[in-house]
């Protein structure tokens, strides 16, 4: 599923391309969202399915393939499993790439709408397959 950079994510990428800021590797995490984010969404106001570390939910570290092609694209190289949930989470319609494993500070970088909303129950897990998330720049 193709996604979209947030305003912060686009600004970080452009600053790195233009040499205005150093591009450095960092761990990024996937968060599950219950409502559509916008370009201006932040980690403080995103509608996350639960507080990380509660109800069997935690943000998951993402690894990415090397960018290739024209337009340049990269996809998640690892499957990401959330749960098993110990509390019934709300339906998940979106996922977001963020810069912190917990908390509301950090960068909200990119977001995707899932192909089919996922409504897990207690004891269930949600898995995002390797290669399912695509980030493109042209």
C-alpha atoms as a PDB file:
ATOM      1  CA  UNK A   1       0.000   0.000   0.000  1.00  0.00           C
ATOM      2  CA  UNK A   2       1.476   3.357  -0.975  1.00  0.00           C
ATOM      3  CA  UNK A   3       1.643   5.983   1.720  1.00  0.00           C
ATOM      4  CA  UNK A   4       2.165   9.686   2.151  1.00  0.00           C
ATOM      5  CA  UNK A   5       4.802  11.747   3.919  1.00  0.00           C
ATOM      6  CA  UNK A   6       3.639  14.033   6.691  1.00  0.00           C
ATOM      7  CA  UNK A   7       4.732  17.664   6.567  1.00  0.00           C
ATOM      8  CA  UNK A   8       7.477  16.896   9.099  1.00  0.00           C
ATOM      9  CA  UNK A   9       8.619  13.825   7.142  1.00  0.00           C
ATOM     10  CA  UNK A  10       8.731  15.768   3.860  1.00  0.00           C
ATOM     11  CA  UNK A  11      10.675  18.604   5.487  1.00  0.00           C
ATOM     12  CA  UNK A  12      13.237  16.186   6.975  1.00  0.00           C
ATOM     13  CA  UNK A  13      13.694  14.480   3.589  1.00  0.00           C
ATOM     14  CA  UNK A  14      14.040  17.713   1.623  1.00  0.00           C
ATOM     15  CA  UNK A  15      16.492  19.206   4.115  1.00  0.00           C
ATOM     16  CA  UNK A  16      18.654  16.061   3.800  1.00  0.00           C
ATOM     17  CA  UNK A  17      18.519  16.109  -0.029  1.00  0.00           C
ATOM     18  CA  UNK A  18      19.459  19.800  -0.154  1.00  0.00           C
ATOM     19  CA  UNK A  19      22.338  19.342   2.284  1.00  0.00           C
ATOM     20  CA  UNK A  20      20.730  21.570   4.895  1.00  0.00           C
ATOM     21  CA  UNK A  21      20.695  18.775   7.463  1.00  0.00           C
ATOM     22  CA  UNK A  22      22.687  15.615   7.888  1.00  0.00           C
ATOM     23  CA  UNK A  23      20.837  12.448   6.986  1.00  0.00           C
ATOM     24  CA  UNK A  24      21.501   9.813   9.606  1.00  0.00           C
ATOM     25  CA  UNK A  25      20.048   6.399  10.186  1.00  0.00           C
ATOM     26  CA  UNK A  26      17.652   5.940  13.063  1.00  0.00           C
ATOM     27  CA  UNK A  27      15.145   3.376  14.219  1.00  0.00           C
ATOM     28  CA  UNK A  28      11.594   4.064  13.099  1.00  0.00           C
ATOM     29  CA  UNK A  29       8.433   2.467  14.457  1.00  0.00           C
ATOM     30  CA  UNK A  30       5.027   1.606  13.109  1.00  0.00           C
ATOM     31  CA  UNK A  31       1.972   2.713  15.099  1.00  0.00           C
ATOM     32  CA  UNK A  32      -1.628   1.542  14.574  1.00  0.00           C
ATOM     33  CA  UNK A  33      -4.205   4.320  14.161  1.00  0.00           C
ATOM     34  CA  UNK A  34      -7.982   4.347  14.449  1.00  0.00           C
ATOM     35  CA  UNK A  35      -8.691   7.524  12.443  1.00  0.00           C
ATOM     36  CA  UNK A  36      -7.263   9.208   9.367  1.00  0.00           C
ATOM     37  CA  UNK A  37      -4.219  11.379  10.019  1.00  0.00           C
ATOM     38  CA  UNK A  38      -3.405  14.509   8.037  1.00  0.00           C
ATOM     39  CA  UNK A  39      -0.118  16.004   6.881  1.00  0.00           C
ATOM     40  CA  UNK A  40      -0.121  18.083  10.068  1.00  0.00           C
ATOM     41  CA  UNK A  41      -0.742  15.195  12.490  1.00  0.00           C
ATOM     42  CA  UNK A  42       1.771  14.907  15.328  1.00  0.00           C
ATOM     43  CA  UNK A  43       2.599  12.129  17.743  1.00  0.00           C
ATOM     44  CA  UNK A  44       0.741  14.099  20.420  1.00  0.00           C
ATOM     45  CA  UNK A  45      -2.547  14.184  18.480  1.00  0.00           C
ATOM     46  CA  UNK A  46      -2.498  10.969  16.412  1.00  0.00           C
ATOM     47  CA  UNK A  47      -5.366   8.579  17.150  1.00  0.00           C
ATOM     48  CA  UNK A  48      -3.338   5.569  18.241  1.00  0.00           C
ATOM     49  CA  UNK A  49      -5.192   2.308  18.943  1.00  0.00           C
ATOM     50  CA  UNK A  50      -3.861   2.194  22.519  1.00  0.00           C
ATOM     51  CA  UNK A  51      -1.093   3.593  24.673  1.00  0.00           C
ATOM     52  CA  UNK A  52       2.113   1.701  23.817  1.00  0.00           C
ATOM     53  CA  UNK A  53       2.856  -0.819  26.541  1.00  0.00           C
ATOM     54  CA  UNK A  54      -0.802  -1.341  27.459  1.00  0.00           C
ATOM     55  CA  UNK A  55      -3.387  -3.891  26.405  1.00  0.00           C
ATOM     56  CA  UNK A  56      -0.801  -6.030  24.617  1.00  0.00           C
ATOM     57  CA  UNK A  57      -0.004  -3.207  22.175  1.00  0.00           C
ATOM     58  CA  UNK A  58       3.453  -1.854  21.348  1.00  0.00           C
ATOM     59  CA  UNK A  59       4.793   0.102  18.391  1.00  0.00           C
ATOM     60  CA  UNK A  60       6.968  -2.127  16.209  1.00  0.00           C
ATOM     61  CA  UNK A  61      10.447  -1.304  14.853  1.00  0.00           C
ATOM     62  CA  UNK A  62      10.515  -1.253  11.050  1.00  0.00           C
ATOM     63  CA  UNK A  63      13.395  -2.114   8.736  1.00  0.00           C
ATOM     64  CA  UNK A  64      13.369  -0.853   5.142  1.00  0.00           C
ATOM     65  CA  UNK A  65      14.698  -2.030   1.800  1.00  0.00           C
ATOM     66  CA  UNK A  66      17.228   0.195   0.057  1.00  0.00           C
ATOM     67  CA  UNK A  67      15.475   2.842  -2.067  1.00  0.00           C
ATOM     68  CA  UNK A  68      15.491   2.017  -5.793  1.00  0.00           C
ATOM     69  CA  UNK A  69      13.755   2.943  -9.039  1.00  0.00           C
ATOM     70  CA  UNK A  70      12.128   6.025 -10.502  1.00  0.00           C
ATOM     71  CA  UNK A  71      10.136   7.112  -8.629  1.00  0.00           C
ATOM     72  CA  UNK A  72      12.401   6.055  -5.809  1.00  0.00           C
ATOM     73  CA  UNK A  73      10.670   3.622  -3.478  1.00  0.00           C
ATOM     74  CA  UNK A  74      11.352   1.534  -0.413  1.00  0.00           C
ATOM     75  CA  UNK A  75       9.214  -1.016   1.421  1.00  0.00           C
ATOM     76  CA  UNK A  76       9.249  -2.602   4.847  1.00  0.00           C
ATOM     77  CA  UNK A  77      11.552  -5.608   4.799  1.00  0.00           C
ATOM     78  CA  UNK A  78      10.181  -7.224   7.958  1.00  0.00           C
ATOM     79  CA  UNK A  79       6.721  -8.455   8.901  1.00  0.00           C
ATOM     80  CA  UNK A  80       5.308  -6.503  11.847  1.00  0.00           C
ATOM     81  CA  UNK A  81       3.076  -8.226  14.403  1.00  0.00           C
ATOM     82  CA  UNK A  82       1.067  -6.295  16.990  1.00  0.00           C
ATOM     83  CA  UNK A  83      -0.459  -8.179  19.942  1.00  0.00           C
ATOM     84  CA  UNK A  84      -1.669 -10.561  21.107  1.00  0.00           C
ATOM     85  CA  UNK A  85      -4.033  -7.954  22.526  1.00  0.00           C
ATOM     86  CA  UNK A  86      -5.150  -8.308  26.140  1.00  0.00           C
ATOM     87  CA  UNK A  87      -7.803  -5.601  25.729  1.00  0.00           C
ATOM     88  CA  UNK A  88     -10.175  -5.332  22.742  1.00  0.00           C
ATOM     89  CA  UNK A  89      -8.633  -2.580  20.563  1.00  0.00           C
ATOM     90  CA  UNK A  90     -10.574  -0.252  18.287  1.00  0.00           C
ATOM     91  CA  UNK A  91     -10.624  -0.984  14.558  1.00  0.00           C
ATOM     92  CA  UNK A  92      -7.374  -0.091  12.780  1.00  0.00           C
ATOM     93  CA  UNK A  93      -7.730   1.800   9.508  1.00  0.00           C
ATOM     94  CA  UNK A  94      -4.332   3.508   9.273  1.00  0.00           C
ATOM     95  CA  UNK A  95      -0.711   2.988  10.237  1.00  0.00           C
ATOM     96  CA  UNK A  96       1.954   5.609  10.865  1.00  0.00           C
ATOM     97  CA  UNK A  97       5.717   5.730  10.830  1.00  0.00           C
ATOM     98  CA  UNK A  98       7.031   7.512  13.919  1.00  0.00           C
ATOM     99  CA  UNK A  99      10.408   8.117  15.507  1.00  0.00           C
ATOM    100  CA  UNK A 100       9.758   6.889  19.058  1.00  0.00           C
ATOM    101  CA  UNK A 101       8.814   3.516  20.545  1.00  0.00           C
ATOM    102  CA  UNK A 102       6.689   5.171  23.239  1.00  0.00           C
ATOM    103  CA  UNK A 103       5.361   8.555  24.226  1.00  0.00           C
ATOM    104  CA  UNK A 104       4.044  11.567  22.362  1.00  0.00           C
ATOM    105  CA  UNK A 105       7.295  13.361  21.572  1.00  0.00           C
ATOM    106  CA  UNK A 106       9.210  12.678  18.399  1.00  0.00           C
ATOM    107  CA  UNK A 107       8.387  12.870  14.710  1.00  0.00           C
ATOM    108  CA  UNK A 108       5.234  11.711  12.909  1.00  0.00           C
ATOM    109  CA  UNK A 109       6.887  10.904   9.566  1.00  0.00           C
ATOM    110  CA  UNK A 110       4.654   8.979   7.152  1.00  0.00           C
ATOM    111  CA  UNK A 111       1.228   7.325   7.066  1.00  0.00           C
ATOM    112  CA  UNK A 112      -0.749   4.718   5.141  1.00  0.00           C
ATOM    113  CA  UNK A 113      -4.390   3.702   4.915  1.00  0.00           C
ATOM    114  CA  UNK A 114      -4.700  -0.073   5.291  1.00  0.00           C
ATOM    115  CA  UNK A 115      -6.335  -1.946   2.409  1.00  0.00           C
ATOM    116  CA  UNK A 116      -8.973  -3.412   4.733  1.00  0.00           C
ATOM    117  CA  UNK A 117      -9.673  -2.115   8.244  1.00  0.00           C
ATOM    118  CA  UNK A 118      -8.622  -4.621  10.896  1.00  0.00           C
ATOM    119  CA  UNK A 119     -10.775  -5.193  13.987  1.00  0.00           C
ATOM    120  CA  UNK A 120      -8.851  -7.464  16.350  1.00  0.00           C
ATOM    121  CA  UNK A 121     -10.228  -8.840  19.595  1.00  0.00           C
ATOM    122  CA  UNK A 122      -8.725 -10.018  22.859  1.00  0.00           C
ATOM    123  CA  UNK A 123      -6.116 -12.678  22.095  1.00  0.00           C
ATOM    124  CA  UNK A 124      -5.796 -11.610  18.439  1.00  0.00           C
ATOM    125  CA  UNK A 125      -2.796 -10.127  16.665  1.00  0.00           C
ATOM    126  CA  UNK A 126      -2.502  -7.828  13.648  1.00  0.00           C
ATOM    127  CA  UNK A 127       0.312  -8.515  11.188  1.00  0.00           C
ATOM    128  CA  UNK A 128       1.557  -6.193   8.458  1.00  0.00           C
ATOM    129  CA  UNK A 129       3.319  -8.350   5.853  1.00  0.00           C
ATOM    130  CA  UNK A 130       6.864  -7.652   4.679  1.00  0.00           C
ATOM    131  CA  UNK A 131       6.677  -5.464   1.570  1.00  0.00           C
ATOM    132  CA  UNK A 132       3.154  -4.195   2.354  1.00  0.00           C
ATOM    133  CA  UNK A 133       4.205  -0.619   3.177  1.00  0.00           C
ATOM    134  CA  UNK A 134       5.655   1.392   0.316  1.00  0.00           C
ATOM    135  CA  UNK A 135       7.241   4.840   0.616  1.00  0.00           C
ATOM    136  CA  UNK A 136       7.838   6.713  -2.670  1.00  0.00           C
ATOM    137  CA  UNK A 137       9.503   9.995  -3.630  1.00  0.00           C
ATOM    138  CA  UNK A 138       9.585  11.356  -7.163  1.00  0.00           C
END
